[in-house]
Amino acid sequence: MDNLLVTGGMGFIGSHFIRLLVKSLPNVTVYNLDKLTYSGNPANLDDVRQEKNYVELTPQTTNGSSCDIADTSLMRFMLRKFRIEAVINFAAESHVDRSVLDAMPFVKSNVLGTVSLIEAARANSVKRFIQISTDQVYGSVEEGFSNEESPVHPNSPYAASKLGSDQLALSFWRTHKFPVIVTRTTNNYGPYQYPEKVIPLFITNLIEGKKVPLYGEGKNVRDWIHAEDNARALLTILLNGVDGELYNIAGQNLLTNKELTLRILKAMGKDEALIQHVEDRKGHDVRYAIDDSKIRKTLGWKPQISFDEGLNATITWYKERKDWWEPLKQKDPFTMWTRGA
């Protein structure tokens, strides 16, 4: 395998994955295609931009091309031009609160965009296509854990759009034997995460001397995985995964949002007086919890970063990188009042 395409690689998880790819596969050229929406940030990859096996495909580097995965003819051209052998699709709208306000961008990017990209990949005989998804497609799981065979019940427009892309991707395996793999991951955290998400929003609010907005009583449960651990899981799947399979990826760090908030406050030397309880989100799932024994047993992957270690390192990064996040919060009023988890 000589040439890989990562879509949405300027985003949070995609940039972590590209950083790992460039380092781990020095003889493979990694192409990063990103149309640079609000959450795509070129600064996320400043440290790899000069690497010989890394190439950026953005509107700025392709003579004004949209770099939109929903443009099938453009995707066919790029996959053919760069002789792409594998595609890892991170490109997506991913913020639940924004999907509640306006679902259409999520349908266009997550559903139509995925089909467009797969059709282009199939036309160019791509050897592996990995579709990145989320544990949210299983819906609220009040007890136990969802495995890859569990029923799905998405409750937000975002989750529904991701399930649509999952099922469409897998249908190309069942119908055409096109080599698709789908991954479903729990909540990621770490450096370079856009400050609309709960952990970076809370950390940066506290750095700014502001309160942290906690939905309801904070009883909703989420599982947390460091983005670097997720990237290692995805690399394992890229190299050793089985076509047509679905893999759950979990951190096994289940916390209520209140517990998460208290952990952040304690790590930053703050007290509970800085918690501001806000009206709960519409359709807010109570608990996400997935069983990832499949990837652990069949591919030998497991997380390497403990939650406390990862959280402390993430806090330190945001303290040191005000130059990265302050401009984002200043230009995007959405980050000032809401948060996603």
Protein backbone atom coordinates (compact mmCIF):
# COMPACT_ATOMS: atom_id res chain seq x y z
CA MET A 1 0.00 0.00 0.00
CA ASP A 2 1.64 3.23 -1.21
CA ASN A 3 -1.01 5.98 -1.12
CA LEU A 4 -3.71 6.62 1.50
CA LEU A 5 -6.43 9.27 1.57
CA VAL A 6 -7.73 10.63 4.86
CA THR A 7 -10.81 12.84 4.54
CA GLY A 8 -11.55 15.41 7.24
CA GLY A 9 -7.97 15.17 8.46
CA MET A 10 -7.86 18.78 9.68
CA GLY A 11 -10.40 17.90 12.36
CA PHE A 12 -9.73 16.69 15.88
CA ILE A 13 -9.60 12.89 15.54
CA GLY A 14 -8.46 12.95 11.92
CA SER A 15 -5.42 15.07 12.74
CA HIS A 16 -4.37 12.67 15.51
CA PHE A 17 -4.71 9.78 13.08
CA ILE A 18 -2.67 11.52 10.38
CA ARG A 19 0.07 12.32 12.88
CA LEU A 20 0.27 8.62 13.76
CA LEU A 21 0.12 7.50 10.11
CA VAL A 22 2.93 9.77 8.96
CA LYS A 23 5.16 8.56 11.79
CA SER A 24 4.24 4.86 11.63
CA LEU A 25 4.19 4.39 7.84
CA PRO A 26 7.12 6.47 6.51
CA ASN A 27 7.03 4.74 3.11
CA VAL A 28 3.33 5.50 2.56
CA THR A 29 2.17 8.86 1.21
CA VAL A 30 -0.71 10.24 3.29
CA TYR A 31 -3.06 12.59 1.44
CA ASN A 32 -5.28 14.74 3.64
CA LEU A 33 -8.43 16.07 1.96
CA ASP A 34 -10.41 18.65 3.93
CA LYS A 35 -12.86 21.32 2.78
CA LEU A 36 -12.07 23.31 5.94
CA THR A 37 -15.42 23.90 7.59
CA TYR A 38 -15.48 25.67 10.95
CA SER A 39 -13.98 22.68 12.82
CA GLY A 40 -11.22 21.97 10.29
CA ASN A 41 -8.09 23.74 11.46
CA PRO A 42 -4.78 23.70 9.51
CA ALA A 43 -2.97 24.53 12.76
CA ASN A 44 -3.82 21.00 13.96
CA LEU A 45 -1.10 19.65 11.67
CA ASP A 46 1.60 22.30 11.85
CA ASP A 47 3.99 19.70 13.24
CA VAL A 48 3.69 17.32 10.25
CA ARG A 49 3.28 19.72 7.35
CA GLN A 50 6.92 19.46 6.27
CA GLU A 51 7.06 15.66 6.34
CA LYS A 52 7.91 14.15 2.95
CA ASN A 53 5.11 11.57 3.08
CA TYR A 54 2.33 14.08 3.85
CA VAL A 55 0.29 16.01 1.24
CA GLU A 56 -2.57 18.44 1.89
CA LEU A 57 -5.58 18.72 -0.41
CA THR A 58 -7.61 21.76 0.63
CA PRO A 59 -9.33 24.59 -1.25
CA GLN A 60 -6.13 26.60 -0.72
CA THR A 61 -3.85 23.95 -2.25
CA THR A 62 -6.04 22.74 -5.13
CA ASN A 63 -6.75 25.93 -7.07
CA GLY A 64 -9.98 26.66 -5.25
CA SER A 65 -11.49 23.18 -5.52
CA SER A 66 -14.27 22.59 -3.00
CA CYS A 67 -12.60 19.44 -1.64
CA ASP A 68 -16.11 18.31 -0.75
CA ILE A 69 -16.58 14.54 -0.52
CA ALA A 70 -20.14 15.03 -1.83
CA ASP A 71 -18.66 16.03 -5.20
CA THR A 72 -18.44 12.55 -6.74
CA SER A 73 -16.75 13.60 -9.98
CA LEU A 74 -14.09 15.51 -8.05
CA MET A 75 -13.52 12.55 -5.72
CA ARG A 76 -13.17 10.18 -8.68
CA PHE A 77 -10.60 12.51 -10.24
CA MET A 78 -8.55 12.87 -7.05
CA LEU A 79 -8.55 9.17 -6.21
CA ARG A 80 -7.42 8.39 -9.74
CA LYS A 81 -4.83 11.19 -9.90
CA PHE A 82 -3.14 10.20 -6.65
CA ARG A 83 -3.58 6.44 -7.13
CA ILE A 84 -5.29 6.06 -3.77
CA GLU A 85 -5.39 2.51 -2.42
CA ALA A 86 -7.15 3.10 0.91
CA VAL A 87 -9.60 5.73 2.19
CA ILE A 88 -10.30 6.57 5.82
CA ASN A 89 -13.38 8.80 6.03
CA PHE A 90 -13.50 11.16 9.00
CA ALA A 91 -15.26 13.92 7.04
CA ALA A 92 -18.50 14.64 8.89
CA GLU A 93 -20.59 17.11 10.81
CA SER A 94 -20.26 15.85 14.37
CA HIS A 95 -21.77 18.18 16.97
CA VAL A 96 -25.06 16.97 18.41
CA ASP A 97 -26.30 20.39 19.55
CA ARG A 98 -25.80 21.84 16.09
CA SER A 99 -27.74 18.92 14.57
CA VAL A 100 -30.67 19.69 16.88
CA LEU A 101 -30.75 23.23 15.53
CA ASP A 102 -30.30 22.31 11.86
CA ALA A 103 -30.15 18.70 10.63
CA MET A 104 -29.68 19.33 6.91
CA PRO A 105 -25.87 19.86 6.92
CA PHE A 106 -25.55 16.53 8.73
CA VAL A 107 -27.56 14.69 6.09
CA LYS A 108 -25.59 16.30 3.27
CA SER A 109 -22.15 15.61 4.72
CA ASN A 110 -22.63 12.38 6.64
CA VAL A 111 -25.03 10.54 4.34
CA LEU A 112 -24.74 11.97 0.83
CA GLY A 113 -21.04 12.68 1.23
CA THR A 114 -20.28 9.15 2.35
CA VAL A 115 -22.14 7.58 -0.57
CA SER A 116 -20.41 9.92 -3.01
CA LEU A 117 -16.99 9.02 -1.63
CA ILE A 118 -17.68 5.29 -1.67
CA GLU A 119 -18.90 5.41 -5.26
CA ALA A 120 -15.72 7.25 -6.25
CA ALA A 121 -13.59 4.75 -4.32
CA ARG A 122 -15.36 1.80 -5.93
CA ALA A 123 -14.87 3.29 -9.40
CA ASN A 124 -11.14 3.48 -8.66
CA SER A 125 -10.85 -0.04 -7.18
CA VAL A 126 -9.76 1.20 -3.74
CA LYS A 127 -8.58 -1.76 -1.67
CA ARG A 128 -9.82 -0.62 1.75
CA PHE A 129 -12.43 1.91 2.87
CA ILE A 130 -12.86 2.70 6.57
CA GLN A 131 -15.97 4.59 7.63
CA ILE A 132 -15.61 6.35 10.99
CA SER A 133 -18.75 6.32 13.12
CA THR A 134 -19.92 6.70 16.71
CA ASP A 135 -21.35 4.77 19.65
CA GLN A 136 -24.31 7.16 19.54
CA VAL A 137 -25.95 5.07 16.82
CA TYR A 138 -26.86 2.48 19.47
CA GLY A 139 -28.87 5.07 21.35
CA SER A 140 -29.29 5.22 25.10
CA VAL A 141 -28.24 1.98 26.82
CA GLU A 142 -29.42 2.13 30.41
CA GLU A 143 -27.85 -1.19 31.41
CA GLY A 144 -25.12 -3.38 30.00
CA PHE A 145 -23.15 -2.74 26.83
CA SER A 146 -23.88 -2.66 23.10
CA ASN A 147 -21.81 -4.96 20.93
CA GLU A 148 -21.57 -4.96 17.15
CA GLU A 149 -24.71 -7.11 16.86
CA SER A 150 -26.88 -5.01 19.20
CA PRO A 151 -29.96 -3.12 17.98
CA VAL A 152 -29.42 0.48 16.90
CA HIS A 153 -31.63 3.34 18.01
CA PRO A 154 -30.18 6.78 17.19
CA ASN A 155 -31.98 9.60 18.97
CA SER A 156 -30.39 12.75 17.54
CA PRO A 157 -30.20 13.93 13.93
CA TYR A 158 -26.42 13.60 14.18
CA ALA A 159 -26.58 9.97 15.33
CA ALA A 160 -29.23 9.13 12.73
CA SER A 161 -27.08 10.58 9.96
CA LYS A 162 -24.07 8.56 11.12
CA LEU A 163 -26.12 5.37 11.23
CA GLY A 164 -27.30 6.10 7.70
CA SER A 165 -23.69 6.36 6.54
CA ASP A 166 -22.78 3.15 8.42
CA GLN A 167 -25.54 1.13 6.83
CA LEU A 168 -24.91 2.51 3.36
CA ALA A 169 -21.21 1.71 3.64
CA LEU A 170 -21.88 -1.86 4.77
CA SER A 171 -24.46 -2.27 2.00
CA PHE A 172 -21.66 -1.79 -0.55
CA TRP A 173 -19.88 -4.75 1.02
CA ARG A 174 -22.99 -6.89 0.98
CA THR A 175 -24.00 -5.89 -2.56
CA HIS A 176 -20.69 -5.35 -4.36
CA LYS A 177 -18.11 -6.92 -1.99
CA PHE A 178 -16.49 -3.50 -1.89
CA PRO A 179 -13.95 -3.68 0.98
CA VAL A 180 -15.63 -1.54 3.63
CA ILE A 181 -15.01 -1.54 7.39
CA VAL A 182 -17.05 0.54 9.87
CA THR A 183 -15.77 1.68 13.28
CA ARG A 184 -17.88 3.00 16.16
CA THR A 185 -16.02 4.87 18.86
CA THR A 186 -16.91 6.34 22.24
CA ASN A 187 -16.35 10.00 23.18
CA ASN A 188 -12.84 11.18 22.29
CA TYR A 189 -10.84 13.79 24.19
CA GLY A 190 -7.33 15.25 23.98
CA PRO A 191 -5.40 18.15 22.42
CA TYR A 192 -6.74 19.95 19.33
CA GLN A 193 -10.42 19.30 20.13
CA TYR A 194 -12.68 22.14 18.99
CA PRO A 195 -13.93 24.06 22.06
CA GLU A 196 -17.62 23.37 21.44
CA LYS A 197 -17.10 19.93 23.04
CA VAL A 198 -17.49 19.43 26.76
CA ILE A 199 -13.91 18.80 27.91
CA PRO A 200 -12.16 21.61 25.99
CA LEU A 201 -15.09 23.97 26.61
CA PHE A 202 -14.95 23.38 30.37
CA ILE A 203 -11.16 23.60 30.50
CA THR A 204 -10.98 26.81 28.49
CA ASN A 205 -13.91 28.38 30.39
CA LEU A 206 -12.09 27.72 33.66
CA ILE A 207 -8.86 29.17 32.27
CA GLU A 208 -10.88 32.28 31.34
CA GLY A 209 -12.41 32.47 34.83
CA LYS A 210 -15.88 31.51 33.61
CA LYS A 211 -18.39 28.97 34.85
CA VAL A 212 -18.98 25.61 33.18
CA PRO A 213 -22.49 24.88 31.79
CA LEU A 214 -23.61 21.42 32.91
CA TYR A 215 -26.73 19.99 31.29
CA GLY A 216 -29.47 19.17 33.82
CA GLU A 217 -28.18 17.35 36.90
CA GLY A 218 -25.26 15.87 35.01
CA LYS A 219 -26.48 12.27 35.30
CA ASN A 220 -25.86 11.35 31.64
CA VAL A 221 -23.11 8.73 31.27
CA ARG A 222 -20.39 8.70 28.61
CA ASP A 223 -17.32 6.57 27.96
CA TRP A 224 -14.08 8.46 27.26
CA ILE A 225 -11.10 7.50 25.09
CA HIS A 226 -8.01 9.55 24.34
CA ALA A 227 -7.78 10.45 20.65
CA GLU A 228 -4.29 8.92 20.45
CA ASP A 229 -5.65 5.56 21.64
CA ASN A 230 -8.44 5.80 19.09
CA ALA A 231 -5.87 6.58 16.38
CA ARG A 232 -3.90 3.47 17.32
CA ALA A 233 -7.08 1.39 17.09
CA LEU A 234 -7.82 2.77 13.64
CA LEU A 235 -4.28 2.07 12.44
CA THR A 236 -4.64 -1.50 13.70
CA ILE A 237 -7.90 -1.85 11.76
CA LEU A 238 -6.38 -0.31 8.63
CA LEU A 239 -3.56 -2.82 8.64
CA ASN A 240 -5.27 -5.93 10.02
CA GLY A 241 -9.05 -5.44 9.99
CA VAL A 242 -11.41 -7.76 8.11
CA ASP A 243 -13.46 -6.45 5.19
CA GLY A 244 -17.19 -6.15 5.84
CA GLU A 245 -16.72 -6.05 9.60
CA LEU A 246 -17.87 -3.55 12.21
CA TYR A 247 -15.58 -2.73 15.16
CA ASN A 248 -16.49 -0.97 18.40
CA ILE A 249 -13.69 1.06 20.01
CA ALA A 250 -14.09 1.97 23.70
CA GLY A 251 -12.03 3.61 26.41
CA GLN A 252 -13.83 1.84 29.27
CA ASN A 253 -13.89 5.07 31.26
CA LEU A 254 -17.59 5.43 32.06
CA LEU A 255 -18.40 8.67 33.89
CA THR A 256 -21.50 10.71 34.50
CA ASN A 257 -21.19 14.24 33.18
CA LYS A 258 -21.23 15.43 36.79
CA GLU A 259 -18.34 13.11 37.65
CA LEU A 260 -16.44 14.34 34.60
CA THR A 261 -17.04 17.95 35.61
CA LEU A 262 -15.79 17.32 39.14
CA ARG A 263 -12.66 15.62 37.79
CA ILE A 264 -11.90 18.65 35.63
CA LEU A 265 -12.55 21.06 38.49
CA LYS A 266 -10.32 19.10 40.87
CA ALA A 267 -7.50 18.80 38.34
CA MET A 268 -7.61 22.56 37.79
CA GLY A 269 -7.88 23.49 41.47
CA LYS A 270 -11.43 24.85 41.17
CA ASP A 271 -14.57 24.21 43.23
CA GLU A 272 -18.18 23.28 42.51
CA ALA A 273 -19.32 26.91 42.75
CA LEU A 274 -18.22 27.24 39.12
CA ILE A 275 -20.83 24.73 37.92
CA GLN A 276 -23.77 26.38 36.18
CA HIS A 277 -26.67 23.98 35.65
CA VAL A 278 -28.39 24.69 32.34
CA GLU A 279 -31.53 23.34 30.66
CA ASP A 280 -31.01 19.81 29.42
CA ARG A 281 -30.58 19.11 25.71
CA LYS A 282 -33.57 17.83 23.73
CA GLY A 283 -33.50 14.05 23.34
CA HIS A 284 -30.41 13.80 25.55
CA ASP A 285 -29.39 10.10 25.71
CA VAL A 286 -28.97 8.87 29.27
CA ARG A 287 -26.06 6.47 28.78
CA TYR A 288 -23.69 5.30 26.06
CA ALA A 289 -21.75 2.10 26.69
CA ILE A 290 -20.24 -0.27 24.15
CA ASP A 291 -18.52 -3.64 24.30
CA ASP A 292 -15.26 -3.58 22.33
CA SER A 293 -14.08 -7.09 23.16
CA LYS A 294 -14.10 -7.91 19.43
CA ILE A 295 -11.21 -5.61 18.51
CA ARG A 296 -9.34 -6.52 21.68
CA LYS A 297 -9.61 -10.27 21.11
CA THR A 298 -9.28 -10.46 17.33
CA LEU A 299 -6.82 -7.64 16.62
CA GLY A 300 -5.00 -7.31 19.96
CA TRP A 301 -5.63 -3.60 20.51
CA LYS A 302 -6.22 -1.96 23.89
CA PRO A 303 -5.98 1.63 25.19
CA GLN A 304 -2.63 2.78 26.59
CA ILE A 305 -3.57 6.10 28.23
CA SER A 306 -5.42 6.14 31.55
CA PHE A 307 -8.17 8.72 31.86
CA ASP A 308 -6.53 10.71 34.67
CA GLU A 309 -3.21 10.78 32.80
CA GLY A 310 -4.89 11.85 29.59
CA LEU A 311 -7.07 14.48 31.24
CA ASN A 312 -4.14 16.09 33.08
CA ALA A 313 -2.08 16.20 29.88
CA THR A 314 -5.04 17.69 28.00
CA ILE A 315 -5.50 20.41 30.62
CA THR A 316 -1.80 21.26 30.39
CA TRP A 317 -2.01 21.47 26.60
CA TYR A 318 -4.95 23.91 26.66
CA LYS A 319 -3.20 26.03 29.28
CA GLU A 320 -0.14 26.24 27.05
CA ARG A 321 -1.96 26.68 23.73
CA LYS A 322 -4.18 29.72 24.17
CA ASP A 323 -2.90 30.77 20.76
CA TRP A 324 -4.78 27.79 19.30
CA TRP A 325 -8.15 27.98 21.04
CA GLU A 326 -8.74 31.64 21.91
CA PRO A 327 -9.30 32.71 18.26
CA LEU A 328 -11.75 29.84 17.79
CA LYS A 329 -13.88 30.84 20.77
CA GLN A 330 -13.80 34.50 19.80
CA LYS A 331 -15.09 33.92 16.27
CA ASP A 332 -17.66 31.21 17.08
CA PRO A 333 -20.39 32.37 19.51
CA PHE A 334 -21.72 28.81 19.59
CA THR A 335 -18.86 27.82 21.91
CA MET A 336 -19.87 30.45 24.43
CA TRP A 337 -23.12 28.92 25.58
CA THR A 338 -23.36 25.29 24.60
CA ARG A 339 -21.43 22.08 24.90
CA GLY A 340 -21.66 18.57 23.58
CA ALA A 341 -21.31 15.18 25.20
